């Protein structure tokens, strides 16, 4: 929940709301719950990555007009990996592309959020500290040590498979 709050207040997602859920804009402008924030952040991240791939595929070959056309070429995984990493790690020229750099930062945070929802929570300790969620930042290392070194295997599985379930619905 703290990660969703951190992303919600640090990034303006109102433009994404207007595209993804225009009829629910009022809910998001008031005080949305965790479920609404979580879904919007997840869907927005997926859409942003698909949009990045669409742009890069168009730059790669003008004959490829869609991601489906690119998928029909059946690229190998190593080609996809080289293609994706080549753009991210290219050296900036004299003129910086601020829009590209901002998109990289937003995508990085959204990917970190998705990793968090899949139990990769180490990188979020700094984000929690930066956004004032000090209790989360203090207890996360202790939790990680307990879950990986103290708990028995059965308890580890139970915690890992249920830690993001909120039974109260709040």
N, C-alpha and C. Protein backbone atom coordinates (compact mmCIF):
# COMPACT_ATOMS: atom_id res chain seq x y z
N UNK A 1 0.81 -1.18 0.00
CA UNK A 1 0.00 0.00 0.00
C UNK A 1 0.86 1.26 0.00
N UNK A 2 1.96 1.22 0.71
CA UNK A 2 2.85 2.38 0.75
C UNK A 2 3.47 2.62 -0.63
N UNK A 3 3.77 1.55 -1.35
CA UNK A 3 4.34 1.71 -2.69
C UNK A 3 3.33 2.35 -3.63
N UNK A 4 2.09 1.94 -3.54
CA UNK A 4 1.04 2.54 -4.38
C UNK A 4 0.88 4.02 -4.02
N UNK A 5 0.91 4.34 -2.73
CA UNK A 5 0.82 5.75 -2.31
C UNK A 5 2.01 6.55 -2.82
N UNK A 6 3.21 5.97 -2.73
CA UNK A 6 4.40 6.67 -3.19
C UNK A 6 4.31 6.98 -4.68
N UNK A 7 3.90 6.02 -5.48
CA UNK A 7 3.75 6.27 -6.91
C UNK A 7 2.61 7.23 -7.18
N UNK A 8 1.54 7.10 -6.44
CA UNK A 8 0.35 7.92 -6.68
C UNK A 8 0.66 9.39 -6.47
N UNK A 9 1.41 9.71 -5.41
CA UNK A 9 1.67 11.11 -5.10
C UNK A 9 2.90 11.65 -5.82
N UNK A 10 3.83 10.80 -6.23
CA UNK A 10 5.03 11.27 -6.92
C UNK A 10 4.83 11.47 -8.41
N UNK A 11 3.95 10.71 -9.02
CA UNK A 11 3.71 10.81 -10.46
C UNK A 11 2.28 11.24 -10.70
N UNK A 12 2.11 12.07 -11.66
CA UNK A 12 0.76 12.48 -12.03
C UNK A 12 0.22 11.45 -13.02
N UNK A 13 -0.75 10.68 -12.57
CA UNK A 13 -1.34 9.66 -13.41
C UNK A 13 -2.70 10.07 -13.96
N UNK A 14 -3.07 11.34 -13.78
CA UNK A 14 -4.38 11.79 -14.23
C UNK A 14 -4.54 11.65 -15.75
N UNK A 15 -3.48 11.89 -16.50
CA UNK A 15 -3.57 11.71 -17.96
C UNK A 15 -3.88 10.25 -18.28
N UNK A 16 -3.24 9.34 -17.57
CA UNK A 16 -3.48 7.91 -17.78
C UNK A 16 -4.92 7.53 -17.40
N UNK A 17 -5.45 8.15 -16.35
CA UNK A 17 -6.82 7.88 -15.95
C UNK A 17 -7.78 8.29 -17.06
N UNK A 18 -7.50 9.45 -17.68
CA UNK A 18 -8.34 9.93 -18.76
C UNK A 18 -8.38 8.99 -19.94
N UNK A 19 -7.32 8.24 -20.15
CA UNK A 19 -7.26 7.29 -21.27
C UNK A 19 -7.80 5.93 -20.85
N UNK A 20 -7.34 5.42 -19.72
CA UNK A 20 -7.69 4.06 -19.31
C UNK A 20 -9.08 3.93 -18.68
N UNK A 21 -9.46 4.91 -17.88
CA UNK A 21 -10.73 4.83 -17.15
C UNK A 21 -11.41 6.20 -17.10
N UNK A 22 -11.83 6.73 -18.24
CA UNK A 22 -12.39 8.09 -18.24
C UNK A 22 -13.68 8.24 -17.43
N UNK A 23 -14.48 7.19 -17.34
CA UNK A 23 -15.74 7.28 -16.59
C UNK A 23 -15.51 7.26 -15.08
N UNK A 24 -14.32 6.86 -14.64
CA UNK A 24 -14.03 6.77 -13.21
C UNK A 24 -13.11 7.88 -12.73
N UNK A 25 -12.97 8.94 -13.52
CA UNK A 25 -12.05 10.02 -13.16
C UNK A 25 -12.44 10.66 -11.82
N UNK A 26 -13.72 10.77 -11.55
CA UNK A 26 -14.17 11.35 -10.28
C UNK A 26 -13.71 10.55 -9.08
N UNK A 27 -13.74 9.24 -9.19
CA UNK A 27 -13.28 8.38 -8.10
C UNK A 27 -11.80 8.60 -7.84
N UNK A 28 -11.03 8.70 -8.91
CA UNK A 28 -9.59 8.87 -8.75
C UNK A 28 -9.22 10.27 -8.28
N UNK A 29 -10.05 11.26 -8.57
CA UNK A 29 -9.76 12.62 -8.11
C UNK A 29 -10.08 12.81 -6.64
N UNK A 30 -11.02 12.04 -6.12
CA UNK A 30 -11.34 12.17 -4.70
C UNK A 30 -10.31 11.41 -3.88
N UNK A 31 -10.69 10.32 -3.30
CA UNK A 31 -9.74 9.54 -2.49
C UNK A 31 -9.87 8.07 -2.88
N UNK A 32 -9.14 7.65 -3.92
CA UNK A 32 -9.28 6.26 -4.35
C UNK A 32 -8.67 5.29 -3.34
N UNK A 33 -9.22 4.10 -3.30
CA UNK A 33 -8.70 3.07 -2.41
C UNK A 33 -7.49 2.38 -3.01
N UNK A 34 -6.94 1.47 -2.24
CA UNK A 34 -5.74 0.76 -2.70
C UNK A 34 -5.99 -0.01 -3.98
N UNK A 35 -7.11 -0.71 -4.07
CA UNK A 35 -7.40 -1.53 -5.25
C UNK A 35 -7.42 -0.67 -6.52
N UNK A 36 -8.07 0.48 -6.46
CA UNK A 36 -8.12 1.37 -7.62
C UNK A 36 -6.72 1.84 -8.01
N UNK A 37 -5.94 2.26 -7.01
CA UNK A 37 -4.57 2.72 -7.30
C UNK A 37 -3.74 1.59 -7.89
N UNK A 38 -3.83 0.42 -7.28
CA UNK A 38 -3.04 -0.73 -7.73
C UNK A 38 -3.37 -1.08 -9.17
N UNK A 39 -4.66 -1.15 -9.51
CA UNK A 39 -5.04 -1.49 -10.87
C UNK A 39 -4.58 -0.43 -11.86
N UNK A 40 -4.74 0.83 -11.50
CA UNK A 40 -4.33 1.88 -12.43
C UNK A 40 -2.83 1.87 -12.65
N UNK A 41 -2.06 1.72 -11.59
CA UNK A 41 -0.59 1.70 -11.72
C UNK A 41 -0.16 0.51 -12.57
N UNK A 42 -0.76 -0.65 -12.33
CA UNK A 42 -0.40 -1.85 -13.10
C UNK A 42 -0.77 -1.69 -14.57
N UNK A 43 -2.00 -1.27 -14.86
CA UNK A 43 -2.43 -1.12 -16.25
C UNK A 43 -1.66 -0.01 -16.95
N UNK A 44 -1.40 1.07 -16.24
CA UNK A 44 -0.65 2.17 -16.83
C UNK A 44 0.76 1.73 -17.20
N UNK A 45 1.39 0.96 -16.32
CA UNK A 45 2.74 0.46 -16.61
C UNK A 45 2.76 -0.45 -17.82
N UNK A 46 1.78 -1.33 -17.92
CA UNK A 46 1.69 -2.23 -19.08
C UNK A 46 1.49 -1.43 -20.35
N UNK A 47 0.57 -0.47 -20.32
CA UNK A 47 0.30 0.34 -21.51
C UNK A 47 1.51 1.17 -21.91
N UNK A 48 2.21 1.73 -20.94
CA UNK A 48 3.41 2.52 -21.26
C UNK A 48 4.49 1.65 -21.91
N UNK A 49 4.68 0.44 -21.40
CA UNK A 49 5.68 -0.44 -22.01
C UNK A 49 5.28 -0.86 -23.42
N UNK A 50 3.99 -1.15 -23.61
CA UNK A 50 3.53 -1.49 -24.96
C UNK A 50 3.71 -0.31 -25.91
N UNK A 51 3.46 0.90 -25.42
CA UNK A 51 3.65 2.09 -26.24
C UNK A 51 5.13 2.27 -26.61
N UNK A 52 6.01 2.01 -25.65
CA UNK A 52 7.46 2.10 -25.94
C UNK A 52 7.85 1.08 -27.00
N UNK A 53 7.35 -0.15 -26.86
CA UNK A 53 7.66 -1.18 -27.86
C UNK A 53 7.11 -0.78 -29.23
N UNK A 54 5.91 -0.22 -29.25
CA UNK A 54 5.30 0.21 -30.52
C UNK A 54 6.19 1.26 -31.20
N UNK A 55 6.66 2.23 -30.44
CA UNK A 55 7.53 3.28 -31.00
C UNK A 55 8.84 2.69 -31.50
N UNK A 56 9.43 1.81 -30.72
CA UNK A 56 10.72 1.24 -31.11
C UNK A 56 10.59 0.33 -32.33
N UNK A 57 9.50 -0.41 -32.42
CA UNK A 57 9.28 -1.27 -33.58
C UNK A 57 9.11 -0.41 -34.83
N UNK A 58 8.39 0.71 -34.69
CA UNK A 58 8.22 1.61 -35.84
C UNK A 58 9.55 2.21 -36.27
N UNK A 59 10.44 2.49 -35.32
CA UNK A 59 11.77 3.01 -35.66
C UNK A 59 12.66 1.93 -36.28
N UNK A 60 12.42 0.70 -35.90
CA UNK A 60 13.24 -0.41 -36.40
C UNK A 60 12.97 -0.68 -37.87
N UNK A 61 11.70 -0.76 -38.24
CA UNK A 61 11.32 -1.09 -39.62
C UNK A 61 9.99 -0.42 -39.92
N UNK A 62 9.98 0.44 -40.91
CA UNK A 62 8.76 1.18 -41.25
C UNK A 62 7.65 0.28 -41.77
N UNK A 63 8.00 -0.91 -42.24
CA UNK A 63 6.98 -1.84 -42.74
C UNK A 63 6.19 -2.47 -41.61
N UNK A 64 6.75 -2.48 -40.42
CA UNK A 64 6.06 -3.05 -39.26
C UNK A 64 5.16 -1.97 -38.66
N UNK A 65 3.87 -2.07 -38.94
CA UNK A 65 2.93 -1.02 -38.53
C UNK A 65 2.29 -1.30 -37.17
N UNK A 66 2.49 -2.48 -36.62
CA UNK A 66 1.89 -2.81 -35.32
C UNK A 66 2.76 -3.82 -34.60
N UNK A 67 2.46 -4.00 -33.32
CA UNK A 67 3.18 -5.01 -32.55
C UNK A 67 2.83 -6.42 -33.02
N UNK A 68 1.61 -6.59 -33.52
CA UNK A 68 1.22 -7.90 -34.06
C UNK A 68 2.07 -8.25 -35.28
N UNK A 69 2.31 -7.26 -36.15
CA UNK A 69 3.16 -7.49 -37.32
C UNK A 69 4.58 -7.83 -36.89
N UNK A 70 5.06 -7.16 -35.85
CA UNK A 70 6.39 -7.46 -35.33
C UNK A 70 6.43 -8.87 -34.75
N UNK A 71 5.38 -9.26 -34.04
CA UNK A 71 5.31 -10.61 -33.46
C UNK A 71 5.25 -11.67 -34.54
N UNK A 72 4.64 -11.35 -35.67
CA UNK A 72 4.56 -12.31 -36.77
C UNK A 72 5.93 -12.62 -37.37
N UNK A 73 6.91 -11.73 -37.16
CA UNK A 73 8.27 -12.00 -37.66
C UNK A 73 8.97 -13.04 -36.79
N UNK A 74 8.37 -13.39 -35.65
CA UNK A 74 8.88 -14.39 -34.71
C UNK A 74 10.34 -14.12 -34.30
N UNK A 75 10.57 -12.97 -33.67
CA UNK A 75 11.94 -12.66 -33.22
C UNK A 75 12.36 -13.60 -32.09
N UNK A 76 13.62 -13.89 -32.04
CA UNK A 76 14.17 -14.73 -30.97
C UNK A 76 14.29 -13.91 -29.68
N UNK A 77 14.31 -14.58 -28.54
CA UNK A 77 14.39 -13.89 -27.25
C UNK A 77 15.67 -13.07 -27.16
N UNK A 78 16.78 -13.60 -27.66
CA UNK A 78 18.04 -12.85 -27.60
C UNK A 78 17.96 -11.58 -28.43
N UNK A 79 17.26 -11.62 -29.56
CA UNK A 79 17.08 -10.42 -30.37
C UNK A 79 16.24 -9.38 -29.62
N UNK A 80 15.19 -9.83 -28.97
CA UNK A 80 14.35 -8.91 -28.21
C UNK A 80 15.14 -8.26 -27.07
N UNK A 81 15.95 -9.06 -26.41
CA UNK A 81 16.74 -8.55 -25.30
C UNK A 81 17.76 -7.52 -25.78
N UNK A 82 18.45 -7.83 -26.87
CA UNK A 82 19.43 -6.89 -27.42
C UNK A 82 18.74 -5.61 -27.90
N UNK A 83 17.58 -5.77 -28.52
CA UNK A 83 16.82 -4.63 -29.02
C UNK A 83 16.39 -3.72 -27.87
N UNK A 84 15.89 -4.30 -26.79
CA UNK A 84 15.42 -3.51 -25.65
C UNK A 84 16.57 -2.84 -24.92
N UNK A 85 17.64 -3.57 -24.67
CA UNK A 85 18.77 -3.01 -23.93
C UNK A 85 19.55 -2.00 -24.75
N UNK A 86 19.56 -2.15 -26.05
CA UNK A 86 20.30 -1.22 -26.91
C UNK A 86 19.76 0.18 -26.81
N UNK A 87 18.46 0.34 -26.75
CA UNK A 87 17.84 1.67 -26.68
C UNK A 87 18.02 2.28 -25.29
N UNK A 88 17.90 1.49 -24.27
CA UNK A 88 17.99 2.01 -22.91
C UNK A 88 19.40 2.46 -22.57
N UNK A 89 20.40 1.72 -23.04
CA UNK A 89 21.78 2.01 -22.67
C UNK A 89 22.53 2.85 -23.70
N UNK A 90 21.83 3.45 -24.65
CA UNK A 90 22.53 4.26 -25.63
C UNK A 90 23.02 5.54 -24.97
N UNK A 91 24.12 6.04 -25.46
CA UNK A 91 24.71 7.25 -24.91
C UNK A 91 23.93 8.46 -25.40
N UNK A 92 23.57 9.37 -24.50
CA UNK A 92 22.85 10.56 -24.95
C UNK A 92 23.79 11.49 -25.70
N UNK A 93 23.25 12.17 -26.68
CA UNK A 93 24.03 13.11 -27.45
C UNK A 93 24.17 14.42 -26.72
N UNK A 94 24.55 15.45 -27.45
CA UNK A 94 24.67 16.76 -26.84
C UNK A 94 23.30 17.29 -26.40
N UNK A 95 22.31 16.97 -27.18
CA UNK A 95 20.95 17.39 -26.87
C UNK A 95 20.25 16.26 -26.12
N UNK A 96 19.91 16.46 -24.87
CA UNK A 96 19.24 15.43 -24.10
C UNK A 96 17.77 15.37 -24.47
N UNK A 97 17.24 14.18 -24.55
CA UNK A 97 15.82 13.97 -24.81
C UNK A 97 15.13 13.81 -23.46
N UNK A 98 14.65 14.91 -22.91
CA UNK A 98 14.05 14.89 -21.57
C UNK A 98 12.80 14.04 -21.50
N UNK A 99 12.00 14.03 -22.57
CA UNK A 99 10.79 13.22 -22.56
C UNK A 99 11.16 11.74 -22.48
N UNK A 100 12.19 11.33 -23.21
CA UNK A 100 12.64 9.94 -23.17
C UNK A 100 13.17 9.59 -21.78
N UNK A 101 13.96 10.49 -21.19
CA UNK A 101 14.52 10.22 -19.87
C UNK A 101 13.42 10.14 -18.81
N UNK A 102 12.41 11.01 -18.89
CA UNK A 102 11.30 10.96 -17.96
C UNK A 102 10.50 9.67 -18.13
N UNK A 103 10.31 9.25 -19.37
CA UNK A 103 9.59 8.00 -19.62
C UNK A 103 10.36 6.82 -19.03
N UNK A 104 11.70 6.85 -19.14
CA UNK A 104 12.51 5.78 -18.54
C UNK A 104 12.33 5.74 -17.02
N UNK A 105 12.31 6.89 -16.40
CA UNK A 105 12.17 6.95 -14.94
C UNK A 105 10.79 6.42 -14.52
N UNK A 106 9.75 6.87 -15.22
CA UNK A 106 8.40 6.41 -14.89
C UNK A 106 8.29 4.90 -15.08
N UNK A 107 8.82 4.40 -16.20
CA UNK A 107 8.77 2.96 -16.44
C UNK A 107 9.56 2.20 -15.39
N UNK A 108 10.68 2.76 -14.97
CA UNK A 108 11.50 2.10 -13.94
C UNK A 108 10.70 1.96 -12.64
N UNK A 109 10.04 3.03 -12.22
CA UNK A 109 9.26 2.97 -10.99
C UNK A 109 8.07 2.03 -11.12
N UNK A 110 7.44 2.03 -12.27
CA UNK A 110 6.29 1.13 -12.45
C UNK A 110 6.74 -0.33 -12.48
N UNK A 111 7.91 -0.59 -13.07
CA UNK A 111 8.43 -1.95 -13.03
C UNK A 111 8.82 -2.36 -11.62
N UNK A 112 9.39 -1.42 -10.86
CA UNK A 112 9.70 -1.71 -9.46
C UNK A 112 8.43 -2.04 -8.69
N UNK A 113 7.35 -1.33 -8.97
CA UNK A 113 6.08 -1.60 -8.30
C UNK A 113 5.58 -3.00 -8.66
N UNK A 114 5.69 -3.36 -9.93
CA UNK A 114 5.26 -4.70 -10.32
C UNK A 114 6.13 -5.78 -9.68
N UNK A 115 7.43 -5.51 -9.58
CA UNK A 115 8.30 -6.46 -8.89
C UNK A 115 7.90 -6.58 -7.43
N UNK A 116 7.53 -5.46 -6.83
CA UNK A 116 7.09 -5.50 -5.43
C UNK A 116 5.88 -6.39 -5.28
N UNK A 117 4.96 -6.31 -6.21
CA UNK A 117 3.79 -7.15 -6.11
C UNK A 117 4.13 -8.62 -6.33
N UNK A 118 5.32 -8.87 -6.84
CA UNK A 118 5.79 -10.25 -7.01
C UNK A 118 6.95 -10.56 -6.06
N UNK A 119 6.96 -9.89 -4.93
CA UNK A 119 7.85 -10.17 -3.80
C UNK A 119 9.30 -9.73 -3.96
N UNK A 120 9.59 -8.82 -4.85
CA UNK A 120 10.94 -8.26 -4.94
C UNK A 120 10.90 -6.89 -4.28
N UNK A 121 11.11 -6.84 -2.97
CA UNK A 121 10.87 -5.60 -2.23
C UNK A 121 12.12 -4.88 -1.78
N UNK A 122 13.28 -5.36 -2.12
CA UNK A 122 14.51 -4.75 -1.64
C UNK A 122 14.68 -3.32 -2.14
N UNK A 123 14.45 -3.09 -3.42
CA UNK A 123 14.68 -1.77 -4.01
C UNK A 123 13.71 -0.71 -3.48
N UNK A 124 12.61 -1.13 -2.88
CA UNK A 124 11.62 -0.16 -2.41
C UNK A 124 11.98 0.48 -1.09
N UNK A 125 12.97 -0.04 -0.38
CA UNK A 125 13.33 0.54 0.91
C UNK A 125 13.74 2.00 0.74
N UNK A 126 14.53 2.31 -0.28
CA UNK A 126 14.94 3.70 -0.53
C UNK A 126 13.77 4.57 -0.95
N UNK A 127 12.88 4.02 -1.75
CA UNK A 127 11.70 4.78 -2.17
C UNK A 127 10.84 5.11 -0.96
N UNK A 128 10.66 4.15 -0.06
CA UNK A 128 9.86 4.40 1.14
C UNK A 128 10.52 5.46 2.02
N UNK A 129 11.84 5.40 2.14
CA UNK A 129 12.53 6.42 2.94
C UNK A 129 12.35 7.80 2.32
N UNK A 130 12.46 7.88 1.01
CA UNK A 130 12.35 9.17 0.33
C UNK A 130 10.95 9.77 0.42
N UNK A 131 9.94 8.94 0.52
CA UNK A 131 8.56 9.45 0.56
C UNK A 131 8.01 9.52 1.98
N UNK A 132 8.86 9.33 2.98
CA UNK A 132 8.42 9.50 4.36
C UNK A 132 7.75 8.28 4.98
N UNK A 133 7.83 7.14 4.34
CA UNK A 133 7.24 5.91 4.89
C UNK A 133 8.33 5.18 5.69
N UNK A 134 8.77 5.81 6.79
CA UNK A 134 9.93 5.32 7.53
C UNK A 134 9.67 4.00 8.25
N UNK A 135 8.45 3.77 8.69
CA UNK A 135 8.16 2.50 9.36
C UNK A 135 8.32 1.34 8.39
N UNK A 136 7.81 1.51 7.15
CA UNK A 136 7.99 0.46 6.15
C UNK A 136 9.47 0.25 5.87
N UNK A 137 10.21 1.33 5.71
CA UNK A 137 11.64 1.24 5.41
C UNK A 137 12.41 0.57 6.55
N UNK A 138 11.98 0.78 7.78
CA UNK A 138 12.69 0.20 8.92
C UNK A 138 12.38 -1.29 9.09
N UNK A 139 11.15 -1.69 8.84
CA UNK A 139 10.76 -3.07 9.09
C UNK A 139 10.97 -4.01 7.90
N UNK A 140 11.15 -3.46 6.72
CA UNK A 140 11.32 -4.34 5.55
C UNK A 140 12.60 -5.18 5.62
N UNK A 141 13.76 -4.62 5.98
CA UNK A 141 14.95 -5.49 6.09
C UNK A 141 14.78 -6.60 7.14
N UNK A 142 14.14 -6.26 8.25
CA UNK A 142 13.89 -7.27 9.28
C UNK A 142 12.96 -8.36 8.75
N UNK A 143 11.93 -7.95 8.03
CA UNK A 143 11.00 -8.91 7.44
C UNK A 143 11.72 -9.82 6.44
N UNK A 144 12.58 -9.23 5.59
CA UNK A 144 13.30 -10.04 4.60
C UNK A 144 14.23 -11.05 5.26
N UNK A 145 14.91 -10.62 6.32
CA UNK A 145 15.79 -11.56 7.03
C UNK A 145 14.98 -12.70 7.64
N UNK A 146 13.86 -12.35 8.26
CA UNK A 146 13.03 -13.40 8.86
C UNK A 146 12.50 -14.37 7.81
N UNK A 147 12.01 -13.84 6.72
CA UNK A 147 11.37 -14.71 5.73
C UNK A 147 12.39 -15.62 5.03
N UNK A 148 13.61 -15.13 4.84
CA UNK A 148 14.59 -15.94 4.12
C UNK A 148 15.46 -16.82 5.01
N UNK A 149 15.64 -16.42 6.28
CA UNK A 149 16.57 -17.18 7.11
C UNK A 149 15.98 -17.74 8.39
N UNK A 150 14.87 -17.21 8.86
CA UNK A 150 14.33 -17.65 10.14
C UNK A 150 13.12 -18.58 9.99
N UNK A 151 12.22 -18.26 9.07
CA UNK A 151 10.99 -19.03 8.95
C UNK A 151 11.25 -20.38 8.30
N UNK A 152 10.53 -21.42 8.71
CA UNK A 152 10.64 -22.71 8.03
C UNK A 152 10.01 -22.62 6.63
N UNK A 153 10.33 -23.60 5.79
CA UNK A 153 9.90 -23.56 4.38
C UNK A 153 8.39 -23.46 4.22
N UNK A 154 7.63 -24.18 5.02
CA UNK A 154 6.17 -24.13 4.91
C UNK A 154 5.62 -22.75 5.23
N UNK A 155 6.15 -22.14 6.28
CA UNK A 155 5.70 -20.79 6.65
C UNK A 155 6.15 -19.78 5.60
N UNK A 156 7.34 -19.98 5.04
CA UNK A 156 7.83 -19.09 3.98
C UNK A 156 6.86 -19.09 2.81
N UNK A 157 6.42 -20.28 2.38
CA UNK A 157 5.46 -20.36 1.27
C UNK A 157 4.13 -19.70 1.62
N UNK A 158 3.66 -19.94 2.84
CA UNK A 158 2.39 -19.34 3.25
C UNK A 158 2.46 -17.82 3.25
N UNK A 159 3.54 -17.27 3.75
CA UNK A 159 3.70 -15.81 3.78
C UNK A 159 3.84 -15.26 2.37
N UNK A 160 4.67 -15.89 1.56
CA UNK A 160 4.91 -15.37 0.20
C UNK A 160 3.66 -15.40 -0.66
N UNK A 161 2.83 -16.40 -0.50
CA UNK A 161 1.65 -16.51 -1.33
C UNK A 161 0.45 -15.74 -0.80
N UNK A 162 0.55 -15.16 0.40
CA UNK A 162 -0.59 -14.45 0.94
C UNK A 162 -0.25 -13.06 1.46
N UNK A 163 0.97 -12.57 1.27
CA UNK A 163 1.33 -11.32 1.89
C UNK A 163 0.66 -10.10 1.27
N UNK A 164 0.18 -10.20 0.04
CA UNK A 164 -0.48 -9.06 -0.58
C UNK A 164 -1.99 -9.17 -0.56
N UNK A 165 -2.50 -10.13 0.19
CA UNK A 165 -3.95 -10.28 0.31
C UNK A 165 -4.42 -9.40 1.45
N UNK A 166 -5.41 -8.59 1.19
CA UNK A 166 -5.97 -7.72 2.21
C UNK A 166 -7.40 -8.18 2.47
N UNK A 167 -7.58 -9.00 3.48
CA UNK A 167 -8.88 -9.59 3.75
C UNK A 167 -9.92 -8.58 4.19
N UNK A 168 -9.50 -7.49 4.78
CA UNK A 168 -10.47 -6.50 5.25
C UNK A 168 -11.00 -5.66 4.10
N UNK A 169 -10.35 -5.66 2.95
CA UNK A 169 -10.81 -4.89 1.80
C UNK A 169 -10.46 -3.41 1.90
N UNK A 170 -9.64 -3.04 2.86
CA UNK A 170 -9.26 -1.62 3.02
C UNK A 170 -7.88 -1.36 2.45
